[in-house]
N, C-alpha and C. Protein backbone atom coordinates (compact mmCIF):
# COMPACT_ATOMS: atom_id res chain seq x y z
N UNK A 1 3.46 18.69 -17.94
CA UNK A 1 2.92 17.28 -17.69
C UNK A 1 1.48 17.42 -17.77
N UNK A 2 0.86 16.48 -18.49
CA UNK A 2 -0.73 16.54 -18.47
C UNK A 2 -1.48 16.49 -17.35
N UNK A 3 -2.23 16.76 -17.14
CA UNK A 3 -3.59 16.44 -16.09
C UNK A 3 -3.65 14.97 -15.94
N UNK A 4 -3.93 14.42 -17.41
CA UNK A 4 -4.26 13.18 -16.87
C UNK A 4 -2.94 12.01 -16.19
N UNK A 5 -1.61 12.42 -16.71
CA UNK A 5 -0.47 11.82 -16.45
C UNK A 5 -0.64 12.23 -14.56
N UNK A 6 -0.74 13.34 -14.35
CA UNK A 6 -0.47 13.67 -13.15
C UNK A 6 -1.78 13.12 -11.88
N UNK A 7 -2.73 12.57 -12.67
CA UNK A 7 -4.25 11.70 -11.67
C UNK A 7 -3.48 10.26 -11.93
N UNK A 8 -3.10 9.87 -13.11
CA UNK A 8 -2.50 8.60 -13.27
C UNK A 8 -1.51 8.51 -11.57
N UNK A 9 -0.25 9.21 -11.69
CA UNK A 9 0.87 9.32 -10.94
C UNK A 9 0.29 8.88 -9.38
N UNK A 10 -0.70 9.34 -9.25
CA UNK A 10 -1.72 9.34 -7.63
C UNK A 10 -2.22 8.07 -7.68
N UNK A 11 -2.95 7.34 -8.57
CA UNK A 11 -3.80 6.52 -8.60
C UNK A 11 -3.09 5.35 -7.61
N UNK A 12 -2.20 4.55 -7.64
CA UNK A 12 -1.85 3.74 -7.00
C UNK A 12 -1.62 4.24 -5.81
N UNK A 13 -1.11 5.48 -5.20
CA UNK A 13 -1.20 5.83 -3.75
C UNK A 13 -2.64 5.85 -3.23
N UNK A 14 -3.73 6.43 -3.89
CA UNK A 14 -5.01 6.54 -3.39
C UNK A 14 -5.51 4.86 -3.13
N UNK A 15 -5.29 4.07 -4.28
CA UNK A 15 -5.75 3.00 -3.96
C UNK A 15 -5.38 2.24 -2.82
N UNK A 16 -4.09 2.03 -2.34
CA UNK A 16 -3.66 1.45 -1.12
C UNK A 16 -3.93 2.19 -0.12
N UNK A 17 -3.84 3.33 -0.24
CA UNK A 17 -4.54 4.26 0.92
C UNK A 17 -5.82 3.41 1.40
N UNK A 18 -6.67 3.56 0.39
CA UNK A 18 -8.22 2.93 0.72
C UNK A 18 -7.98 1.32 1.22
N UNK A 19 -7.38 1.02 0.36
CA UNK A 19 -7.36 -0.74 1.11
C UNK A 19 -6.70 -0.64 2.48
N UNK A 20 -5.55 0.15 3.01
CA UNK A 20 -5.24 0.20 3.87
C UNK A 20 -6.23 0.68 4.98
N UNK A 21 -6.76 1.92 4.55
CA UNK A 21 -8.08 2.57 5.26
C UNK A 21 -8.88 1.48 6.07
N UNK A 22 -9.46 0.95 5.02
CA UNK A 22 -10.70 -0.16 5.23
C UNK A 22 -9.98 -1.35 5.82
N UNK A 23 -8.96 -1.83 5.95
CA UNK A 23 -8.18 -2.63 6.58
C UNK A 23 -8.54 -2.75 8.32
N UNK A 24 -7.25 -1.39 8.05
CA UNK A 24 -7.22 -0.98 9.72
C UNK A 24 -8.66 -0.45 10.42
N UNK A 25 -9.38 0.31 9.81
CA UNK A 25 -11.18 0.49 10.23
C UNK A 25 -11.51 -0.71 11.02
N UNK A 26 -11.19 -2.00 10.08
CA UNK A 26 -12.15 -3.33 10.27
C UNK A 26 -11.58 -3.72 11.92
N UNK A 27 -10.05 -3.76 11.81
CA UNK A 27 -9.22 -4.54 12.51
C UNK A 27 -9.73 -3.55 14.02
N UNK A 28 -9.92 -2.27 13.76
CA UNK A 28 -9.71 -1.59 15.20
C UNK A 28 -11.38 -1.53 15.97
N UNK A 29 -12.35 -1.61 14.97
CA UNK A 29 -13.84 -1.49 15.43
C UNK A 29 -14.16 -3.16 16.01
N UNK A 30 -13.69 -3.65 15.06
CA UNK A 30 -14.15 -5.18 15.41
C UNK A 30 -12.96 -6.27 15.19
N UNK A 31 -11.93 -6.34 16.12
CA UNK A 31 -10.78 -7.03 15.91
C UNK A 31 -11.09 -8.81 16.08
N UNK A 32 -11.75 -9.05 16.77
CA UNK A 32 -12.33 -10.44 17.24
C UNK A 32 -13.20 -11.01 15.60
N UNK A 33 -14.04 -10.45 15.42
CA UNK A 33 -15.03 -10.66 14.43
C UNK A 33 -14.05 -10.40 12.84
N UNK A 34 -13.17 -9.84 12.62
CA UNK A 34 -12.59 -9.49 11.26
C UNK A 34 -11.33 -10.80 11.33
N UNK A 35 -11.06 -10.97 12.26
CA UNK A 35 -10.00 -11.66 12.63
C UNK A 35 -10.37 -13.03 12.22
N UNK A 36 -11.55 -13.46 12.70
CA UNK A 36 -12.40 -14.71 12.98
C UNK A 36 -12.50 -15.01 11.14
N UNK A 37 -12.88 -14.00 10.73
CA UNK A 37 -12.90 -13.95 9.01
C UNK A 37 -12.15 -14.52 8.43
N UNK A 38 -10.87 -14.02 8.76
CA UNK A 38 -9.61 -14.81 8.32
C UNK A 38 -9.01 -15.88 8.98
N UNK A 39 -9.98 -16.71 9.87
CA UNK A 39 -9.15 -17.94 10.30
C UNK A 39 -8.35 -17.81 11.28
N UNK A 40 -8.49 -16.71 12.18
CA UNK A 40 -7.41 -16.11 13.35
C UNK A 40 -8.59 -16.15 14.59
N UNK A 41 -8.04 -16.85 15.67
CA UNK A 41 -8.89 -16.79 16.72
C UNK A 41 -8.71 -16.15 18.00
N UNK A 42 -9.03 -15.26 18.41
CA UNK A 42 -8.45 -14.50 19.29
C UNK A 42 -9.10 -14.76 20.71
N UNK A 43 -8.34 -15.07 21.45
CA UNK A 43 -8.90 -15.52 22.92
C UNK A 43 -8.85 -14.76 23.88
N UNK A 44 -8.22 -13.67 24.03
CA UNK A 44 -8.01 -13.01 25.07
C UNK A 44 -7.91 -11.08 24.66
N UNK A 45 -8.80 -10.60 25.37
CA UNK A 45 -8.57 -9.41 25.23
C UNK A 45 -7.14 -8.40 24.92
N UNK A 46 -6.61 -9.21 25.74
CA UNK A 46 -4.75 -8.91 25.02
C UNK A 46 -4.40 -9.42 23.47
N UNK A 47 -5.11 -10.20 23.11
CA UNK A 47 -5.13 -10.60 21.82
C UNK A 47 -5.87 -9.44 20.81
N UNK A 48 -6.88 -9.19 20.91
CA UNK A 48 -7.84 -8.48 20.43
C UNK A 48 -6.75 -7.02 20.67
N UNK A 49 -6.35 -6.72 21.38
CA UNK A 49 -5.16 -5.70 21.67
C UNK A 49 -4.21 -5.56 20.63
N UNK A 50 -3.51 -6.54 20.45
CA UNK A 50 -2.73 -6.96 19.51
C UNK A 50 -2.94 -6.86 18.30
N UNK A 51 -4.11 -7.50 18.21
CA UNK A 51 -4.94 -7.48 16.65
C UNK A 51 -5.18 -6.08 16.45
N UNK A 52 -5.63 -5.12 16.87
CA UNK A 52 -5.79 -3.53 16.54
C UNK A 52 -4.49 -3.24 16.47
N UNK A 53 -3.60 -3.34 17.21
CA UNK A 53 -2.06 -2.76 16.92
C UNK A 53 -1.48 -3.13 15.54
N UNK A 54 -1.28 -4.59 15.28
CA UNK A 54 -0.74 -5.32 14.37
C UNK A 54 -1.44 -4.70 13.10
N UNK A 55 -2.87 -5.35 13.09
CA UNK A 55 -3.72 -5.03 11.59
C UNK A 55 -4.65 -3.84 11.66
N UNK A 56 -4.69 -3.05 12.75
CA UNK A 56 -5.33 -1.80 12.96
C UNK A 56 -4.57 -0.58 12.57
N UNK A 57 -3.60 -0.35 13.42
CA UNK A 57 -2.49 0.84 13.77
C UNK A 57 -1.84 0.76 12.68
N UNK A 58 -0.95 -0.18 12.13
CA UNK A 58 0.01 -0.52 11.00
C UNK A 58 -0.76 -0.08 9.87
N UNK A 59 -1.79 -0.61 9.56
CA UNK A 59 -2.13 -0.17 8.27
C UNK A 59 -2.67 1.37 8.27
N UNK A 60 -3.02 1.88 9.34
CA UNK A 60 -3.68 3.58 9.51
C UNK A 60 -2.46 4.13 9.52
N UNK A 61 -1.01 3.79 9.89
CA UNK A 61 -0.04 4.44 9.83
C UNK A 61 0.65 4.61 8.50
N UNK A 62 0.40 3.42 7.20
CA UNK A 62 0.57 3.57 5.99
C UNK A 62 -0.05 4.44 5.30
N UNK A 63 -1.52 4.20 5.62
CA UNK A 63 -2.37 5.17 5.14
C UNK A 63 -1.99 6.70 5.41
N UNK A 64 -1.04 6.77 5.90
CA UNK A 64 -2.02 8.40 6.75
C UNK A 64 0.10 8.91 6.20
N UNK A 65 1.04 7.90 6.26
CA UNK A 65 1.62 8.40 5.13
C UNK A 65 1.62 8.52 3.85
N UNK A 66 0.79 7.39 3.37
CA UNK A 66 0.33 8.01 1.90
C UNK A 66 -0.65 9.08 1.66
N UNK A 67 -1.03 9.53 2.53
CA UNK A 67 -1.90 10.55 2.62
C UNK A 67 -0.82 11.83 2.80
N UNK A 68 -0.13 11.60 3.48
CA UNK A 68 0.97 12.92 3.81
C UNK A 68 1.22 13.25 2.54
N UNK A 69 1.77 11.82 1.29
CA UNK A 69 2.66 12.05 0.15
C UNK A 69 1.85 12.59 -0.72
N UNK A 70 0.55 12.39 -0.57
CA UNK A 70 -0.28 12.86 -1.97
C UNK A 70 -0.70 14.32 -1.45
N UNK A 71 -0.84 14.60 -0.68
CA UNK A 71 -0.87 16.45 -0.62
C UNK A 71 0.55 16.93 -0.46
N UNK A 72 1.70 16.33 -0.98
CA UNK A 72 2.78 17.20 -0.81
C UNK A 72 3.50 16.78 -2.24
N UNK A 73 3.48 17.70 -3.25
CA UNK A 73 3.78 17.03 -4.54
C UNK A 73 5.22 17.00 -4.39
N UNK A 74 6.31 17.14 -3.40
CA UNK A 74 7.38 16.96 -3.54
C UNK A 74 7.73 15.43 -2.96
N UNK A 75 6.69 15.04 -2.25
CA UNK A 75 6.65 13.67 -1.98
C UNK A 75 5.85 12.37 -2.51
N UNK A 76 5.28 12.72 -3.52
CA UNK A 76 4.80 11.73 -4.44
C UNK A 76 5.67 10.39 -4.40
N UNK A 77 6.71 10.70 -5.31
CA UNK A 77 7.79 9.95 -5.60
C UNK A 77 8.11 9.03 -4.37
N UNK A 78 8.35 9.48 -3.07
CA UNK A 78 8.75 8.84 -1.98
C UNK A 78 7.28 8.00 -1.57
N UNK A 79 6.30 8.21 -1.70
CA UNK A 79 4.89 7.49 -1.69
C UNK A 79 5.16 6.23 -2.80
N UNK A 80 5.56 6.59 -3.72
CA UNK A 80 5.32 5.57 -4.88
C UNK A 80 6.16 4.64 -4.54
N UNK A 81 7.25 4.57 -4.37
CA UNK A 81 8.79 4.40 -3.77
C UNK A 81 8.39 3.36 -2.60
N UNK A 82 7.86 3.77 -1.19
CA UNK A 82 7.33 3.34 -0.23
C UNK A 82 6.32 1.84 -0.49
N UNK A 83 5.24 2.39 -1.47
CA UNK A 83 4.10 1.11 -1.67
C UNK A 83 4.80 0.38 -2.60
N UNK A 84 5.64 0.70 -3.52
CA UNK A 84 6.35 -0.30 -4.06
C UNK A 84 7.03 -1.55 -3.24
N UNK A 85 8.30 -0.89 -2.12
CA UNK A 85 8.86 -1.60 -1.16
C UNK A 85 7.72 -2.82 -0.50
N UNK A 86 6.70 -1.68 -0.07
CA UNK A 86 5.49 -2.64 1.08
C UNK A 86 4.85 -3.80 -0.02
N UNK A 87 4.63 -3.46 -1.21
CA UNK A 87 4.09 -4.49 -1.98
C UNK A 87 5.00 -5.68 -2.05
N UNK A 88 6.10 -5.53 -2.46
CA UNK A 88 7.47 -6.29 -2.42
C UNK A 88 7.63 -7.15 -1.45
N UNK A 89 7.65 -6.59 -0.82
CA UNK A 89 7.49 -7.43 0.60
C UNK A 89 6.36 -8.18 1.05
N UNK A 90 5.08 -7.52 0.75
CA UNK A 90 4.12 -8.22 1.12
C UNK A 90 3.81 -10.04 -0.24
N UNK A 91 4.29 -9.46 -1.09
CA UNK A 91 4.24 -10.51 -2.48
C UNK A 91 5.10 -11.84 -1.85
N UNK A 92 6.25 -10.91 -1.30
CA UNK A 92 7.23 -11.90 -1.25
C UNK A 92 7.10 -13.22 -0.28
N UNK A 93 6.53 -12.19 0.93
CA UNK A 93 6.23 -12.90 2.04
C UNK A 93 4.65 -14.01 1.94
N UNK A 94 3.84 -13.93 0.92
CA UNK A 94 2.94 -14.16 0.64
C UNK A 94 3.59 -15.68 -0.22
N UNK A 95 4.58 -15.47 -1.36
CA UNK A 95 5.19 -16.79 -2.12
C UNK A 95 6.14 -17.65 -1.08
N UNK A 96 6.50 -16.98 0.32
CA UNK A 96 7.49 -17.77 1.05
C UNK A 96 6.08 -18.42 1.81
N UNK A 97 5.16 -17.93 2.13
CA UNK A 97 4.10 -18.83 2.91
C UNK A 97 3.77 -20.18 1.78
N UNK A 98 3.21 -19.50 0.65
CA UNK A 98 2.91 -20.72 -0.15
C UNK A 98 3.79 -21.87 -0.41
N UNK A 99 5.05 -21.23 -0.87
CA UNK A 99 5.92 -22.57 -1.20
C UNK A 99 6.56 -23.14 0.26
N UNK A 100 6.58 -22.75 1.40
CA UNK A 100 6.54 -23.41 2.46
C UNK A 100 5.46 -24.41 2.90
N UNK A 101 4.61 -24.50 1.94
CA UNK A 101 3.76 -25.51 2.38
C UNK A 101 2.71 -24.83 3.35
N UNK A 102 2.51 -23.65 3.44
CA UNK A 102 1.48 -23.70 4.77
C UNK A 102 0.25 -23.39 4.09
N UNK A 103 0.16 -22.29 3.25
CA UNK A 103 -1.45 -21.87 2.34
C UNK A 103 -1.69 -21.57 1.04
N UNK A 104 -2.25 -21.75 0.37
CA UNK A 104 -2.59 -21.20 -0.98
C UNK A 104 -3.53 -20.60 -1.17
N UNK A 105 -4.35 -20.31 -0.21
CA UNK A 105 -6.05 -20.10 0.02
C UNK A 105 -5.88 -18.26 -0.21
N UNK A 106 -4.74 -17.75 -0.30
CA UNK A 106 -4.67 -16.25 -0.29
C UNK A 106 -3.56 -16.09 -1.55
N UNK A 107 -3.52 -16.93 -2.48
CA UNK A 107 -2.91 -16.86 -3.69
C UNK A 107 -3.37 -15.99 -4.30
N UNK A 108 -4.56 -16.09 -4.73
CA UNK A 108 -5.43 -15.37 -5.54
C UNK A 108 -5.10 -14.02 -5.25
N UNK A 109 -4.70 -13.46 -3.94
CA UNK A 109 -4.08 -12.08 -3.76
C UNK A 109 -2.82 -11.54 -4.57
N UNK A 110 -2.26 -12.12 -5.16
CA UNK A 110 -0.71 -12.10 -5.99
C UNK A 110 -1.15 -11.35 -7.14
N UNK A 111 -2.37 -11.28 -7.79
CA UNK A 111 -2.48 -10.71 -9.48
C UNK A 111 -2.56 -9.45 -8.75
N UNK A 112 -3.62 -8.91 -8.05
CA UNK A 112 -4.02 -7.79 -8.14
C UNK A 112 -2.74 -6.76 -7.13
N UNK A 113 -2.01 -7.39 -6.44
CA UNK A 113 -0.55 -7.02 -5.76
C UNK A 113 0.26 -6.87 -6.75
N UNK A 114 0.46 -8.09 -7.74
CA UNK A 114 1.41 -7.80 -8.90
C UNK A 114 0.72 -6.61 -9.57
N UNK A 115 -0.44 -6.33 -10.13
CA UNK A 115 -0.79 -5.02 -11.05
C UNK A 115 -0.60 -3.78 -10.27
N UNK A 116 -0.42 -4.21 -9.06
CA UNK A 116 -0.74 -2.51 -8.34
C UNK A 116 0.93 -2.17 -8.34
N UNK A 117 1.83 -3.02 -8.35
CA UNK A 117 3.55 -3.19 -8.25
C UNK A 117 3.83 -2.49 -9.57
N UNK A 118 2.93 -3.16 -10.51
CA UNK A 118 3.39 -2.57 -11.65
C UNK A 118 2.94 -1.60 -12.36
N UNK A 119 1.76 -0.98 -11.67
CA UNK A 119 1.12 0.86 -11.48
C UNK A 119 2.06 1.52 -11.32
N UNK A 120 2.49 0.95 -10.04
CA UNK A 120 3.82 1.81 -9.30
C UNK A 120 5.04 2.12 -9.57
N UNK A 121 5.87 1.01 -10.57
CA UNK A 121 6.62 1.21 -11.46
C UNK A 121 6.50 2.34 -12.59
N UNK A 122 5.31 1.88 -12.85
CA UNK A 122 4.86 3.01 -14.53
C UNK A 122 4.63 4.28 -13.58
N UNK A 123 4.16 4.75 -12.57
CA UNK A 123 4.03 6.02 -11.76
C UNK A 123 5.33 6.69 -11.46
N UNK A 124 6.15 5.88 -10.88
CA UNK A 124 7.38 6.39 -10.33
C UNK A 124 8.17 6.27 -11.55
N UNK A 125 8.34 5.76 -12.96
CA UNK A 125 8.71 6.12 -14.24
C UNK A 125 8.31 7.92 -14.74
N UNK A 126 6.88 8.15 -14.45
CA UNK A 126 6.58 8.74 -15.34
C UNK A 126 6.64 10.41 -14.33
N UNK A 127 6.47 10.11 -13.01
CA UNK A 127 7.15 11.34 -11.98
C UNK A 127 8.47 11.43 -12.17
N UNK A 128 9.34 10.26 -12.26
CA UNK A 128 11.18 10.51 -12.63
C UNK A 128 11.05 11.38 -13.87
N UNK A 129 10.24 11.07 -15.23
CA UNK A 129 10.23 12.17 -16.14
C UNK A 129 9.69 13.38 -15.87
N UNK A 130 8.78 13.72 -15.51
CA UNK A 130 8.11 14.92 -14.91
C UNK A 130 9.22 15.42 -14.41
N UNK A 131 9.88 15.34 -13.36
CA UNK A 131 10.62 15.91 -12.92
C UNK A 131 12.36 16.35 -13.59
N UNK A 132 12.30 15.02 -14.41
CA UNK A 132 13.76 15.64 -15.44
C UNK A 132 13.28 16.92 -15.97
N UNK A 133 12.05 16.74 -16.55
CA UNK A 133 11.77 17.80 -17.65
C UNK A 133 11.23 19.37 -16.92
N UNK A 134 11.11 19.03 -15.85
CA UNK A 134 10.63 20.01 -14.93
C UNK A 134 12.02 20.68 -14.73
N UNK A 135 12.94 20.05 -14.27
CA UNK A 135 14.48 20.52 -13.81
C UNK A 135 15.10 21.05 -15.13
N UNK A 136 14.65 20.36 -16.34
CA UNK A 136 15.19 21.04 -17.70
C UNK A 136 14.88 22.24 -17.92
N UNK A 137 13.21 22.60 -17.85
CA UNK A 137 12.80 23.79 -17.83
C UNK A 137 13.22 25.00 -17.31
N UNK A 138 13.44 24.50 -16.03
CA UNK A 138 13.44 25.69 -14.82
C UNK A 138 15.31 26.21 -14.98
N UNK A 139 16.20 25.20 -15.70
CA UNK A 139 17.37 25.51 -15.61
C UNK A 139 17.83 26.37 -17.03
N UNK A 140 16.83 26.23 -17.98
CA UNK A 140 16.44 26.81 -19.14
C UNK A 140 16.00 27.98 -19.63
N UNK A 141 16.39 29.31 -19.26
CA UNK A 141 15.65 30.32 -19.54
C UNK A 141 14.39 30.58 -20.72
């Protein structure tokens, strides 16, 4: 596999790792202010803790999972598949919220999410092709 393909396969994982890392750090450091920026009002210290866990710890957990997948070549495919599942669920939830009449203000995020999902699909296909090629060359002397 070319170096370009090897780098391309990792781009979706690196990108989402950065996004989750940035979201997580914002909610861990300043949950009240970050939530307020999204129109969420946290009215108690308990609410701030819930926001730190739900909007801080969970994104960091995904970022950590993706970092592990990045540094372990055998787990690249797992990372890409997990990312695609996650993006699919995020987009489905966003679309449900929009169609249920709650809000369309975050609809602009569907395009970057769909593009990232498409990159994941392409990267998964490249990784599967690489594995198939690697498997055939290792079995043929």
